[in-house]
Protein backbone atom coordinates (compact mmCIF):
# COMPACT_ATOMS: atom_id res chain seq x y z
CA MET A 1 84.60 104.75 25.25
CA ASP A 2 81.91 104.71 27.94
CA LEU A 3 82.67 104.81 31.64
CA LYS A 4 82.63 101.32 33.11
CA VAL A 5 83.24 102.36 36.72
CA ILE A 6 82.06 105.49 38.54
CA GLY A 7 83.56 106.48 41.87
CA SER A 8 81.21 108.32 44.21
CA GLY A 9 83.49 108.70 47.23
CA PHE A 10 84.96 111.97 48.46
CA GLY A 11 88.55 112.89 47.78
CA ARG A 12 90.95 111.52 50.43
CA THR A 13 89.09 108.20 50.72
CA GLY A 14 91.71 106.26 48.80
CA THR A 15 90.71 107.52 45.38
CA MET A 16 94.23 107.64 43.95
CA SER A 17 94.87 104.05 45.05
CA LEU A 18 91.59 103.02 43.44
CA LYS A 19 92.48 104.89 40.25
CA LEU A 20 95.74 102.97 39.96
CA ALA A 21 93.99 99.69 40.79
CA LEU A 22 91.34 100.17 38.10
CA GLU A 23 93.96 101.07 35.52
CA ALA A 24 95.93 97.95 36.48
CA LEU A 25 92.76 95.87 35.99
CA GLY A 26 92.45 97.05 32.41
CA PHE A 27 89.83 99.80 32.52
CA GLY A 28 92.00 102.25 30.61
CA LYS A 29 92.62 105.71 31.95
CA CYS A 30 90.77 106.58 35.14
CA HIS A 31 89.74 110.18 35.69
CA HIS A 32 90.93 111.84 38.91
CA MET A 33 91.52 115.47 39.89
CA GLU A 34 95.08 115.17 38.62
CA GLU A 35 93.68 114.60 35.11
CA VAL A 36 92.17 118.10 35.14
CA PHE A 37 95.56 119.65 35.85
CA GLY A 38 97.03 117.72 32.93
CA ASN A 39 94.15 118.62 30.59
CA PRO A 40 93.25 122.33 30.92
CA TRP A 41 90.55 122.00 28.26
CA GLN A 42 88.41 120.19 30.84
CA VAL A 43 88.22 123.15 33.22
CA PRO A 44 85.35 124.97 31.44
CA TYR A 45 83.26 121.79 31.61
CA TRP A 46 83.64 121.60 35.38
CA GLN A 47 82.95 125.29 35.71
CA ALA A 48 79.76 124.87 33.69
CA ALA A 49 78.72 121.83 35.73
CA VAL A 50 79.09 123.61 39.06
CA ARG A 51 76.90 126.42 37.71
CA GLY A 52 74.21 123.83 37.02
CA GLU A 53 74.55 123.92 33.25
CA ILE A 54 74.20 120.90 30.97
CA VAL A 55 77.49 119.13 30.30
CA ASP A 56 78.29 116.61 27.56
CA TRP A 57 79.58 113.86 29.84
CA HIS A 58 80.25 111.53 26.92
CA HIS A 59 82.63 114.07 25.41
CA LEU A 60 84.32 114.92 28.70
CA PHE A 61 85.00 111.25 29.49
CA ALA A 62 85.58 110.05 25.92
CA ASP A 63 89.12 108.88 26.74
CA TYR A 64 88.34 107.34 30.12
CA GLY A 65 87.07 103.95 31.22
CA ALA A 66 86.56 104.95 34.86
CA SER A 67 86.32 107.99 37.11
CA VAL A 68 87.06 108.57 40.79
CA ASP A 69 87.68 111.50 43.14
CA TRP A 70 86.49 115.06 42.86
CA PRO A 71 85.45 116.67 40.58
CA SER A 72 83.65 113.73 38.94
CA ALA A 73 82.45 112.22 42.24
CA HIS A 74 80.36 115.34 42.81
CA TYR A 75 78.23 114.29 39.80
CA TRP A 76 77.82 110.62 40.63
CA ARG A 77 74.06 110.78 40.10
CA GLU A 78 74.38 112.32 36.66
CA LEU A 79 77.12 109.92 35.63
CA ALA A 80 75.23 106.88 36.89
CA ALA A 81 72.26 107.94 34.77
CA THR A 82 74.37 108.79 31.70
CA PHE A 83 76.31 105.52 31.84
CA PRO A 84 73.68 103.02 33.06
CA GLU A 85 75.92 99.99 32.52
CA ALA A 86 78.70 101.37 34.71
CA ARG A 87 79.35 99.94 38.15
CA VAL A 88 79.55 102.36 41.09
CA ILE A 89 82.30 102.11 43.69
CA HIS A 90 81.92 104.19 46.81
CA THR A 91 85.19 104.56 48.71
CA VAL A 92 84.97 105.02 52.48
CA ARG A 93 87.22 105.53 55.49
CA SER A 94 86.65 106.47 59.12
CA SER A 95 85.26 109.98 59.56
CA GLU A 96 88.02 111.23 61.82
CA SER A 97 90.86 109.92 59.67
CA TRP A 98 89.18 111.36 56.57
CA TRP A 99 88.88 114.80 58.14
CA ALA A 100 92.49 114.74 59.31
CA SER A 101 93.62 113.90 55.79
CA TYR A 102 91.27 116.35 54.08
CA SER A 103 92.15 119.24 56.38
CA GLU A 104 95.89 118.75 55.80
CA THR A 105 95.63 118.42 52.02
CA ILE A 106 92.61 119.60 50.05
CA MET A 107 91.62 122.29 52.54
CA GLY A 108 95.13 123.71 52.58
CA PHE A 109 95.30 123.62 48.79
CA LEU A 110 92.07 125.59 48.54
CA LYS A 111 93.23 128.25 50.97
CA ILE A 112 96.31 128.81 48.82
CA GLY A 113 94.69 128.21 45.44
CA VAL A 114 92.03 130.90 45.72
CA THR A 115 94.78 133.49 46.27
CA GLN A 116 96.41 132.74 42.92
CA GLU A 117 95.96 135.38 40.23
CA ASP A 118 94.90 132.95 37.52
CA GLY A 119 95.43 129.46 36.15
CA ILE A 120 94.12 125.98 36.86
CA ALA A 121 94.97 126.09 40.57
CA ARG A 122 92.70 129.09 41.06
CA ASP A 123 89.97 127.81 38.72
CA MET A 124 89.72 124.41 40.38
CA SER A 125 90.08 125.88 43.87
CA GLU A 126 87.07 128.07 43.12
CA TRP A 127 85.24 125.01 41.80
CA CYS A 128 86.01 123.14 45.02
CA VAL A 129 84.94 126.03 47.24
CA ARG A 130 81.58 126.02 45.51
CA ALA A 131 81.09 122.29 44.94
CA ILE A 132 82.60 120.99 48.17
CA GLY A 133 81.93 123.87 50.53
CA GLU A 134 78.62 125.30 49.38
CA GLN A 135 76.96 122.39 47.56
CA THR A 136 78.26 119.43 49.58
CA PHE A 137 79.09 120.71 53.08
CA GLY A 138 76.34 123.30 52.93
CA GLY A 139 78.61 126.18 53.87
CA ALA A 140 82.32 126.67 54.35
CA PHE A 141 84.81 124.09 53.10
CA THR A 142 86.64 124.51 56.41
CA ASP A 143 83.68 123.52 58.62
CA ARG A 144 84.55 120.25 60.33
CA GLU A 145 81.09 119.27 61.57
CA SER A 146 79.48 120.04 58.21
CA GLY A 147 82.17 118.05 56.45
CA LEU A 148 81.72 115.01 58.66
CA ARG A 149 77.95 115.11 58.24
CA ALA A 150 78.37 115.42 54.48
CA LEU A 151 80.69 112.41 54.40
CA GLU A 152 78.13 110.24 56.16
CA ARG A 153 75.27 111.64 54.10
CA ARG A 154 77.03 110.83 50.82
CA THR A 155 77.31 107.18 51.78
CA GLU A 156 73.64 107.06 52.75
CA ASP A 157 72.58 108.80 49.53
CA VAL A 158 74.59 106.46 47.30
CA LYS A 159 73.28 103.35 49.05
CA ALA A 160 69.71 104.63 48.70
CA ALA A 161 70.04 105.53 45.01
CA ILE A 162 72.17 102.76 43.50
CA PRO A 163 70.91 99.14 43.40
CA ALA A 164 72.94 96.84 45.61
CA ASP A 165 74.09 94.67 42.69
CA ARG A 166 75.53 97.73 40.98
CA LEU A 167 77.30 99.15 44.05
CA LEU A 168 80.44 98.34 46.04
CA ILE A 169 81.11 100.11 49.33
CA PHE A 170 84.89 99.85 49.42
CA ASP A 171 87.68 100.62 51.86
CA VAL A 172 90.97 100.43 49.97
CA LYS A 173 92.51 98.71 53.01
CA GLN A 174 90.47 95.66 51.93
CA GLY A 175 92.71 95.28 48.88
CA TRP A 176 92.03 93.36 45.69
CA ASP A 177 89.57 90.67 46.80
CA PRO A 178 86.29 92.60 47.19
CA LEU A 179 87.11 94.84 44.24
CA CYS A 180 87.88 92.01 41.85
CA ASP A 181 84.93 89.95 43.08
CA PHE A 182 82.61 92.89 42.40
CA LEU A 183 84.05 93.47 38.94
CA GLY A 184 84.24 89.78 38.06
CA LEU A 185 87.98 89.86 37.45
CA PRO A 186 90.89 87.70 38.66
CA VAL A 187 92.99 89.01 41.51
CA PRO A 188 96.37 90.32 40.29
CA GLU A 189 99.54 88.83 41.70
CA THR A 190 100.91 92.30 42.39
CA ALA A 191 100.22 94.21 45.62
CA PHE A 192 97.23 96.54 45.76
CA PRO A 193 98.36 100.12 45.01
CA ARG A 194 98.94 102.46 47.95
CA ALA A 195 99.31 106.02 46.74
CA ASN A 196 98.87 109.72 47.39
CA ASP A 197 99.68 110.05 51.05
CA ARG A 198 99.82 113.60 52.37
CA SER A 199 103.37 114.26 51.23
CA GLU A 200 102.58 112.96 47.74
CA PHE A 201 99.51 115.19 47.61
CA TRP A 202 101.56 118.34 48.13
CA LYS A 203 104.14 117.18 45.61
CA ASN A 204 101.43 116.70 42.97
CA PHE A 205 98.94 119.44 43.76
CA SER A 206 100.68 122.41 45.35
CA PRO A 207 99.68 125.55 43.39
CA GLU A 208 103.36 126.14 42.69
CA ALA A 209 103.56 122.74 41.00
CA VAL A 210 100.59 123.35 38.74
């Protein structure tokens, strides 16, 4: 199975809602950070990728029809090149609301995760510190101004690199209509998924839970 949809948006931009929406639309399983915690065999691939090593993306995503969220969103360029027929969806939200959500979820997880002795929580926290902090923010994963600049820069980079007919800039608050129009699919009768608020995040991703 090749990826049909690639998400390039940062975590906490509605990626879990988009994951559920894409699965409901028939794209099969959609990769998200939670998939790593359920599939420990994937961890060495992400560790290799963050070191700049070559990764067999076809093997890593063999069981997935779509991908969203970190860690895969960090490699949107590589995935777009590897799966040239895939559409790219870039999730967005206001800078201030994104930072508020990020700082109360992912940032807190990383602060706890890197203190763990071993396991997936530590491994993926270390990945995030390097990929999000160093490679995306350009420094510390706790730096607000760097994070906000990186959020804006990602949108600009994606718009510059991906042809307009292959790209959807998407706020999940818009619901089904723009998503289904972009993908050429009928709008479901069910409500658009709303998932992974801050309390759900801690239920799913606290180091104690994983």
